[in-house]
Amino acid sequence: MNLPLMVTVIAWVGAALAFLGLLRWDKKKWPAVTGFVIGAVTAVAAVFVVVLSAVLSRALTRQIRELLQAIRQVRAGAYSHRADVRGHDEIAQIGHEFNSLTDRLQKTEESRRRFVSNASHELKTPLATMKILLENLIYQPDMPQELR
């Protein structure tokens, strides 16, 4: 059963009970009944406000918690992780911007890895060639001893 339906049912039951109570009361006790009804309505309204604020704050903090979890995962190196964005509010806009940022970060990281791999390969080839040439020079029979 969802919360709005429960609150509506409670409000209608409270109103019905208050109305039945009014029918049974003597006209002389009308001021007491009026005070009771106002108090009952105030109590129901207070409970409704508390429940509604708890539900709304829980929904808002859930989005923030999910976004914070996504930020922590990206900080740990999971650049492919994206925040699950729902809605069109400010938190959702932050989530979209975060996802855009992680897209760019992932592309930059992939580019950096390719560069390091290519640079490493390009540097290994000349170094290996130089090593072979130097070894050949060192082991020449007519090479002076001081140059070895």
N, C-alpha and C. Protein backbone atom coordinates (compact mmCIF):
# COMPACT_ATOMS: atom_id res chain seq x y z
N MET A 1 0.86 -1.18 0.00
CA MET A 1 0.00 0.00 0.00
C MET A 1 0.90 1.24 0.00
N ASN A 2 0.60 2.17 -0.87
CA ASN A 2 1.48 3.33 -0.96
C ASN A 2 1.11 4.39 0.07
N LEU A 3 2.05 5.25 0.35
CA LEU A 3 1.92 6.24 1.42
C LEU A 3 0.79 7.25 1.19
N PRO A 4 0.64 7.84 0.01
CA PRO A 4 -0.45 8.81 -0.16
C PRO A 4 -1.82 8.20 0.10
N LEU A 5 -2.01 6.94 -0.33
CA LEU A 5 -3.29 6.29 -0.09
C LEU A 5 -3.51 6.07 1.40
N MET A 6 -2.48 5.66 2.13
CA MET A 6 -2.60 5.46 3.58
C MET A 6 -2.96 6.76 4.29
N VAL A 7 -2.31 7.84 3.90
CA VAL A 7 -2.58 9.13 4.53
C VAL A 7 -4.01 9.57 4.24
N THR A 8 -4.48 9.35 3.02
CA THR A 8 -5.86 9.72 2.66
C THR A 8 -6.86 8.92 3.47
N VAL A 9 -6.63 7.61 3.59
CA VAL A 9 -7.54 6.77 4.37
C VAL A 9 -7.57 7.22 5.82
N ILE A 10 -6.41 7.48 6.39
CA ILE A 10 -6.37 7.93 7.80
C ILE A 10 -7.10 9.25 7.97
N ALA A 11 -6.91 10.17 7.03
CA ALA A 11 -7.59 11.46 7.13
C ALA A 11 -9.10 11.30 7.05
N TRP A 12 -9.59 10.46 6.13
CA TRP A 12 -11.04 10.26 6.00
C TRP A 12 -11.61 9.55 7.22
N VAL A 13 -10.92 8.57 7.74
CA VAL A 13 -11.40 7.88 8.95
C VAL A 13 -11.45 8.86 10.12
N GLY A 14 -10.42 9.68 10.25
CA GLY A 14 -10.42 10.68 11.31
C GLY A 14 -11.56 11.67 11.16
N ALA A 15 -11.82 12.11 9.94
CA ALA A 15 -12.92 13.05 9.71
C ALA A 15 -14.26 12.40 10.01
N ALA A 16 -14.42 11.13 9.62
CA ALA A 16 -15.69 10.43 9.89
C ALA A 16 -15.91 10.26 11.38
N LEU A 17 -14.86 9.88 12.09
CA LEU A 17 -14.99 9.73 13.55
C LEU A 17 -15.30 11.06 14.23
N ALA A 18 -14.67 12.10 13.74
CA ALA A 18 -14.95 13.42 14.32
C ALA A 18 -16.38 13.84 14.04
N PHE A 19 -16.88 13.56 12.83
CA PHE A 19 -18.26 13.92 12.49
C PHE A 19 -19.24 13.13 13.34
N LEU A 20 -18.99 11.81 13.52
CA LEU A 20 -19.87 11.00 14.36
C LEU A 20 -19.82 11.49 15.81
N GLY A 21 -18.70 11.91 16.25
CA GLY A 21 -18.58 12.46 17.59
C GLY A 21 -19.38 13.74 17.74
N LEU A 22 -19.40 14.56 16.68
CA LEU A 22 -20.16 15.80 16.71
C LEU A 22 -21.66 15.53 16.80
N LEU A 23 -22.14 14.49 16.14
CA LEU A 23 -23.57 14.16 16.16
C LEU A 23 -24.01 13.73 17.56
N ARG A 24 -23.15 13.11 18.29
CA ARG A 24 -23.51 12.61 19.62
C ARG A 24 -23.39 13.67 20.70
N TRP A 25 -22.69 14.76 20.44
CA TRP A 25 -22.45 15.75 21.47
C TRP A 25 -23.66 16.68 21.63
N ASP A 26 -23.82 17.10 22.83
CA ASP A 26 -24.88 18.06 23.15
C ASP A 26 -24.44 19.44 22.66
N LYS A 27 -25.39 20.27 22.28
CA LYS A 27 -25.09 21.61 21.78
C LYS A 27 -24.35 22.45 22.83
N LYS A 28 -24.56 22.16 24.10
CA LYS A 28 -23.89 22.93 25.14
C LYS A 28 -22.39 22.64 25.16
N LYS A 29 -22.05 21.48 24.69
CA LYS A 29 -20.64 21.09 24.69
C LYS A 29 -19.96 21.44 23.36
N TRP A 30 -20.63 22.20 22.51
CA TRP A 30 -20.10 22.54 21.19
C TRP A 30 -18.70 23.16 21.23
N PRO A 31 -18.42 24.11 22.12
CA PRO A 31 -17.05 24.66 22.17
C PRO A 31 -15.99 23.59 22.47
N ALA A 32 -16.31 22.63 23.32
CA ALA A 32 -15.36 21.56 23.62
C ALA A 32 -15.14 20.68 22.39
N VAL A 33 -16.23 20.43 21.66
CA VAL A 33 -16.14 19.61 20.46
C VAL A 33 -15.32 20.33 19.40
N THR A 34 -15.53 21.63 19.25
CA THR A 34 -14.78 22.41 18.28
C THR A 34 -13.29 22.36 18.60
N GLY A 35 -12.95 22.49 19.86
CA GLY A 35 -11.55 22.40 20.26
C GLY A 35 -10.97 21.02 19.98
N PHE A 36 -11.78 19.99 20.21
CA PHE A 36 -11.33 18.62 19.94
C PHE A 36 -11.08 18.42 18.44
N VAL A 37 -12.00 18.91 17.64
CA VAL A 37 -11.86 18.75 16.19
C VAL A 37 -10.63 19.51 15.68
N ILE A 38 -10.45 20.72 16.16
CA ILE A 38 -9.28 21.50 15.75
C ILE A 38 -8.00 20.78 16.18
N GLY A 39 -8.00 20.25 17.38
CA GLY A 39 -6.83 19.51 17.86
C GLY A 39 -6.57 18.26 17.04
N ALA A 40 -7.64 17.53 16.69
CA ALA A 40 -7.51 16.30 15.91
C ALA A 40 -7.00 16.62 14.50
N VAL A 41 -7.55 17.66 13.90
CA VAL A 41 -7.11 18.05 12.56
C VAL A 41 -5.65 18.50 12.60
N THR A 42 -5.29 19.24 13.62
CA THR A 42 -3.91 19.68 13.76
C THR A 42 -2.97 18.49 13.93
N ALA A 43 -3.37 17.51 14.73
CA ALA A 43 -2.54 16.32 14.94
C ALA A 43 -2.38 15.53 13.64
N VAL A 44 -3.48 15.36 12.90
CA VAL A 44 -3.41 14.64 11.63
C VAL A 44 -2.52 15.40 10.65
N ALA A 45 -2.67 16.73 10.61
CA ALA A 45 -1.84 17.54 9.71
C ALA A 45 -0.37 17.44 10.11
N ALA A 46 -0.08 17.45 11.41
CA ALA A 46 1.30 17.35 11.87
C ALA A 46 1.91 16.00 11.48
N VAL A 47 1.14 14.93 11.67
CA VAL A 47 1.63 13.61 11.28
C VAL A 47 1.86 13.55 9.78
N PHE A 48 0.94 14.13 9.01
CA PHE A 48 1.07 14.14 7.56
C PHE A 48 2.33 14.90 7.14
N VAL A 49 2.58 16.05 7.75
CA VAL A 49 3.77 16.85 7.40
C VAL A 49 5.05 16.10 7.76
N VAL A 50 5.08 15.46 8.91
CA VAL A 50 6.27 14.71 9.32
C VAL A 50 6.53 13.56 8.36
N VAL A 51 5.49 12.82 8.01
CA VAL A 51 5.65 11.68 7.10
C VAL A 51 6.08 12.17 5.72
N LEU A 52 5.43 13.21 5.23
CA LEU A 52 5.76 13.74 3.92
C LEU A 52 7.20 14.26 3.87
N SER A 53 7.62 14.97 4.91
CA SER A 53 8.99 15.48 4.92
C SER A 53 10.01 14.35 5.02
N ALA A 54 9.68 13.28 5.74
CA ALA A 54 10.58 12.13 5.83
C ALA A 54 10.72 11.46 4.47
N VAL A 55 9.60 11.30 3.76
CA VAL A 55 9.64 10.65 2.45
C VAL A 55 10.43 11.51 1.46
N LEU A 56 10.17 12.80 1.44
CA LEU A 56 10.86 13.68 0.50
C LEU A 56 12.35 13.78 0.80
N SER A 57 12.70 13.89 2.07
CA SER A 57 14.12 13.98 2.40
C SER A 57 14.83 12.67 2.09
N ARG A 58 14.15 11.56 2.28
CA ARG A 58 14.74 10.26 1.95
C ARG A 58 14.99 10.15 0.45
N ALA A 59 14.03 10.61 -0.34
CA ALA A 59 14.19 10.57 -1.80
C ALA A 59 15.34 11.47 -2.24
N LEU A 60 15.43 12.65 -1.67
CA LEU A 60 16.50 13.58 -2.03
C LEU A 60 17.86 13.04 -1.62
N THR A 61 17.97 12.53 -0.42
CA THR A 61 19.26 12.02 0.04
C THR A 61 19.64 10.73 -0.69
N ARG A 62 18.66 9.96 -1.18
CA ARG A 62 18.98 8.76 -1.95
C ARG A 62 19.71 9.14 -3.23
N GLN A 63 19.22 10.16 -3.92
CA GLN A 63 19.88 10.61 -5.14
C GLN A 63 21.30 11.10 -4.85
N ILE A 64 21.45 11.83 -3.77
CA ILE A 64 22.78 12.34 -3.41
C ILE A 64 23.70 11.19 -3.02
N ARG A 65 23.19 10.21 -2.27
CA ARG A 65 24.00 9.05 -1.90
C ARG A 65 24.46 8.28 -3.13
N GLU A 66 23.56 8.08 -4.09
CA GLU A 66 23.93 7.36 -5.31
C GLU A 66 24.99 8.12 -6.11
N LEU A 67 24.84 9.43 -6.19
CA LEU A 67 25.82 10.24 -6.90
C LEU A 67 27.17 10.21 -6.19
N LEU A 68 27.15 10.27 -4.88
CA LEU A 68 28.39 10.19 -4.10
C LEU A 68 29.07 8.84 -4.28
N GLN A 69 28.29 7.78 -4.34
CA GLN A 69 28.86 6.44 -4.57
C GLN A 69 29.52 6.37 -5.95
N ALA A 70 28.88 6.96 -6.95
CA ALA A 70 29.47 6.98 -8.30
C ALA A 70 30.77 7.77 -8.30
N ILE A 71 30.81 8.88 -7.60
CA ILE A 71 32.02 9.69 -7.52
C ILE A 71 33.15 8.89 -6.87
N ARG A 72 32.83 8.16 -5.82
CA ARG A 72 33.86 7.35 -5.15
C ARG A 72 34.40 6.25 -6.06
N GLN A 73 33.52 5.64 -6.86
CA GLN A 73 33.98 4.58 -7.76
C GLN A 73 34.89 5.14 -8.85
N VAL A 74 34.55 6.31 -9.38
CA VAL A 74 35.40 6.92 -10.40
C VAL A 74 36.73 7.34 -9.79
N ARG A 75 36.69 7.86 -8.58
CA ARG A 75 37.93 8.25 -7.90
C ARG A 75 38.85 7.05 -7.70
N ALA A 76 38.25 5.86 -7.50
CA ALA A 76 39.03 4.64 -7.31
C ALA A 76 39.59 4.09 -8.62
N GLY A 77 39.20 4.70 -9.75
CA GLY A 77 39.76 4.28 -11.03
C GLY A 77 38.79 3.62 -11.98
N ALA A 78 37.54 3.46 -11.58
CA ALA A 78 36.52 2.86 -12.47
C ALA A 78 35.94 3.95 -13.36
N TYR A 79 36.73 4.35 -14.38
CA TYR A 79 36.32 5.47 -15.22
C TYR A 79 35.12 5.15 -16.11
N SER A 80 34.77 3.89 -16.25
CA SER A 80 33.62 3.53 -17.07
C SER A 80 32.31 3.58 -16.28
N HIS A 81 32.39 3.79 -14.98
CA HIS A 81 31.18 3.83 -14.15
C HIS A 81 30.41 5.13 -14.40
N ARG A 82 29.09 5.03 -14.46
CA ARG A 82 28.24 6.20 -14.66
C ARG A 82 27.21 6.26 -13.55
N ALA A 83 26.78 7.47 -13.23
CA ALA A 83 25.73 7.65 -12.23
C ALA A 83 24.38 7.35 -12.86
N ASP A 84 23.52 6.70 -12.10
CA ASP A 84 22.16 6.42 -12.56
C ASP A 84 21.32 7.68 -12.34
N VAL A 85 20.96 8.35 -13.43
CA VAL A 85 20.28 9.64 -13.33
C VAL A 85 18.80 9.46 -13.64
N ARG A 86 17.96 9.94 -12.73
CA ARG A 86 16.50 9.92 -12.94
C ARG A 86 15.96 11.30 -12.63
N GLY A 87 14.99 11.73 -13.39
CA GLY A 87 14.34 13.00 -13.13
C GLY A 87 14.96 14.15 -13.89
N HIS A 88 14.49 15.35 -13.57
CA HIS A 88 14.95 16.55 -14.26
C HIS A 88 15.28 17.67 -13.28
N ASP A 89 15.49 17.34 -12.02
CA ASP A 89 15.79 18.36 -11.03
C ASP A 89 17.28 18.69 -11.04
N GLU A 90 17.71 19.50 -10.10
CA GLU A 90 19.10 19.94 -10.04
C GLU A 90 20.06 18.80 -9.78
N ILE A 91 19.65 17.85 -8.96
CA ILE A 91 20.50 16.69 -8.67
C ILE A 91 20.70 15.87 -9.95
N ALA A 92 19.65 15.72 -10.74
CA ALA A 92 19.76 15.00 -12.01
C ALA A 92 20.69 15.74 -12.97
N GLN A 93 20.63 17.06 -12.98
CA GLN A 93 21.53 17.85 -13.82
C GLN A 93 22.98 17.63 -13.40
N ILE A 94 23.22 17.60 -12.09
CA ILE A 94 24.57 17.33 -11.59
C ILE A 94 25.01 15.93 -12.03
N GLY A 95 24.09 14.97 -11.97
CA GLY A 95 24.40 13.61 -12.42
C GLY A 95 24.75 13.56 -13.89
N HIS A 96 24.01 14.30 -14.73
CA HIS A 96 24.33 14.35 -16.16
C HIS A 96 25.71 14.97 -16.39
N GLU A 97 26.00 16.04 -15.68
CA GLU A 97 27.31 16.68 -15.81
C GLU A 97 28.43 15.74 -15.34
N PHE A 98 28.18 15.00 -14.28
CA PHE A 98 29.16 14.03 -13.78
C PHE A 98 29.41 12.96 -14.84
N ASN A 99 28.35 12.45 -15.45
CA ASN A 99 28.51 11.43 -16.49
C ASN A 99 29.29 11.99 -17.68
N SER A 100 29.02 13.22 -18.04
CA SER A 100 29.75 13.86 -19.13
C SER A 100 31.24 13.98 -18.77
N LEU A 101 31.50 14.37 -17.54
CA LEU A 101 32.88 14.49 -17.07
C LEU A 101 33.59 13.15 -17.09
N THR A 102 32.92 12.10 -16.65
CA THR A 102 33.56 10.78 -16.64
C THR A 102 33.76 10.26 -18.05
N ASP A 103 32.87 10.61 -19.00
CA ASP A 103 33.09 10.24 -20.40
C ASP A 103 34.41 10.83 -20.89
N ARG A 104 34.57 12.10 -20.62
CA ARG A 104 35.80 12.78 -21.07
C ARG A 104 37.03 12.23 -20.34
N LEU A 105 36.88 11.97 -19.06
CA LEU A 105 37.99 11.41 -18.28
C LEU A 105 38.38 10.03 -18.80
N GLN A 106 37.39 9.22 -19.16
CA GLN A 106 37.68 7.89 -19.69
C GLN A 106 38.41 7.99 -21.03
N LYS A 107 37.97 8.90 -21.89
CA LYS A 107 38.65 9.08 -23.18
C LYS A 107 40.09 9.57 -22.99
N THR A 108 40.28 10.49 -22.04
CA THR A 108 41.63 10.98 -21.76
C THR A 108 42.52 9.87 -21.23
N GLU A 109 41.98 9.03 -20.36
CA GLU A 109 42.75 7.92 -19.81
C GLU A 109 43.11 6.91 -20.89
N GLU A 110 42.17 6.61 -21.78
CA GLU A 110 42.46 5.70 -22.88
C GLU A 110 43.53 6.28 -23.80
N SER A 111 43.45 7.56 -24.07
CA SER A 111 44.45 8.23 -24.91
C SER A 111 45.83 8.20 -24.24
N ARG A 112 45.86 8.44 -22.93
CA ARG A 112 47.13 8.39 -22.20
C ARG A 112 47.74 7.00 -22.26
N ARG A 113 46.91 5.97 -22.08
CA ARG A 113 47.42 4.58 -22.13
C ARG A 113 47.98 4.24 -23.51
N ARG A 114 47.27 4.66 -24.56
CA ARG A 114 47.77 4.42 -25.92
C ARG A 114 49.10 5.13 -26.14
N PHE A 115 49.19 6.38 -25.67
CA PHE A 115 50.44 7.13 -25.84
C PHE A 115 51.60 6.44 -25.13
N VAL A 116 51.38 6.02 -23.89
CA VAL A 116 52.45 5.35 -23.13
C VAL A 116 52.85 4.06 -23.82
N SER A 117 51.88 3.32 -24.33
CA SER A 117 52.19 2.07 -25.02
C SER A 117 52.98 2.33 -26.29
N ASN A 118 52.54 3.29 -27.07
CA ASN A 118 53.23 3.63 -28.31
C ASN A 118 54.63 4.19 -28.04
N ALA A 119 54.74 5.07 -27.06
CA ALA A 119 56.05 5.65 -26.74
C ALA A 119 57.01 4.58 -26.24
N SER A 120 56.48 3.68 -25.44
CA SER A 120 57.31 2.59 -24.93
C SER A 120 57.81 1.72 -26.08
N HIS A 121 56.93 1.42 -26.99
CA HIS A 121 57.33 0.60 -28.15
C HIS A 121 58.35 1.35 -29.01
N GLU A 122 58.09 2.62 -29.25
CA GLU A 122 59.00 3.41 -30.10
C GLU A 122 60.37 3.59 -29.45
N LEU A 123 60.41 3.65 -28.14
CA LEU A 123 61.71 3.79 -27.46
C LEU A 123 62.45 2.46 -27.36
N LYS A 124 61.74 1.36 -27.25
CA LYS A 124 62.39 0.06 -27.13
C LYS A 124 63.14 -0.32 -28.40
N THR A 125 62.57 -0.01 -29.53
CA THR A 125 63.20 -0.40 -30.80
C THR A 125 64.56 0.27 -30.98
N PRO A 126 64.69 1.60 -30.85
CA PRO A 126 66.03 2.20 -31.00
C PRO A 126 66.99 1.75 -29.90
N LEU A 127 66.50 1.59 -28.70
CA LEU A 127 67.38 1.15 -27.61
C LEU A 127 67.91 -0.25 -27.86
N ALA A 128 67.06 -1.11 -28.35
CA ALA A 128 67.50 -2.48 -28.64
C ALA A 128 68.53 -2.46 -29.77
N THR A 129 68.31 -1.64 -30.77
CA THR A 129 69.27 -1.52 -31.87
C THR A 129 70.60 -0.99 -31.37
N MET A 130 70.57 0.03 -30.54
CA MET A 130 71.81 0.59 -29.99
C MET A 130 72.54 -0.43 -29.13
N LYS A 131 71.82 -1.21 -28.37
CA LYS A 131 72.43 -2.23 -27.52
C LYS A 131 73.16 -3.27 -28.37
N ILE A 132 72.52 -3.70 -29.43
CA ILE A 132 73.14 -4.69 -30.32
C ILE A 132 74.40 -4.12 -30.96
N LEU A 133 74.32 -2.87 -31.43
CA LEU A 133 75.50 -2.25 -32.04
C LEU A 133 76.64 -2.10 -31.04
N LEU A 134 76.30 -1.67 -29.82
CA LEU A 134 77.36 -1.52 -28.81
C LEU A 134 77.98 -2.86 -28.44
N GLU A 135 77.17 -3.90 -28.33
CA GLU A 135 77.72 -5.22 -28.03
C GLU A 135 78.63 -5.70 -29.14
N ASN A 136 78.24 -5.44 -30.37
CA ASN A 136 79.09 -5.82 -31.51
C ASN A 136 80.41 -5.06 -31.48
N LEU A 137 80.36 -3.77 -31.15
CA LEU A 137 81.57 -2.97 -31.09
C LEU A 137 82.49 -3.45 -29.98
N ILE A 138 81.91 -3.76 -28.83
CA ILE A 138 82.72 -4.17 -27.68
C ILE A 138 83.44 -5.48 -27.96
N TYR A 139 82.82 -6.39 -28.65
CA TYR A 139 83.40 -7.70 -28.88
C TYR A 139 84.21 -7.80 -30.19
N GLN A 140 84.56 -6.69 -30.76
CA GLN A 140 85.44 -6.69 -31.93
C GLN A 140 86.85 -7.08 -31.47
N PRO A 141 87.52 -7.93 -32.20
CA PRO A 141 88.85 -8.37 -31.77
C PRO A 141 89.91 -7.26 -31.82
N ASP A 142 89.76 -6.29 -32.69
CA ASP A 142 90.76 -5.23 -32.80
C ASP A 142 90.40 -4.01 -31.96
N MET A 143 89.43 -4.11 -31.05
CA MET A 143 88.99 -3.00 -30.20
C MET A 143 89.99 -2.82 -29.06
N PRO A 144 90.47 -1.58 -28.82
CA PRO A 144 91.40 -1.36 -27.70
C PRO A 144 90.73 -1.69 -26.36
N GLN A 145 91.51 -2.18 -25.42
CA GLN A 145 91.00 -2.63 -24.14
C GLN A 145 90.37 -1.49 -23.33
N GLU A 146 90.91 -0.26 -23.40
CA GLU A 146 90.39 0.86 -22.61
C GLU A 146 89.00 1.30 -23.08
N LEU A 147 88.58 0.98 -24.29
CA LEU A 147 87.25 1.35 -24.78
C LEU A 147 86.19 0.30 -24.47
N ARG A 148 86.64 -0.82 -24.00
CA ARG A 148 85.68 -1.89 -23.68
C ARG A 148 84.98 -1.65 -22.41
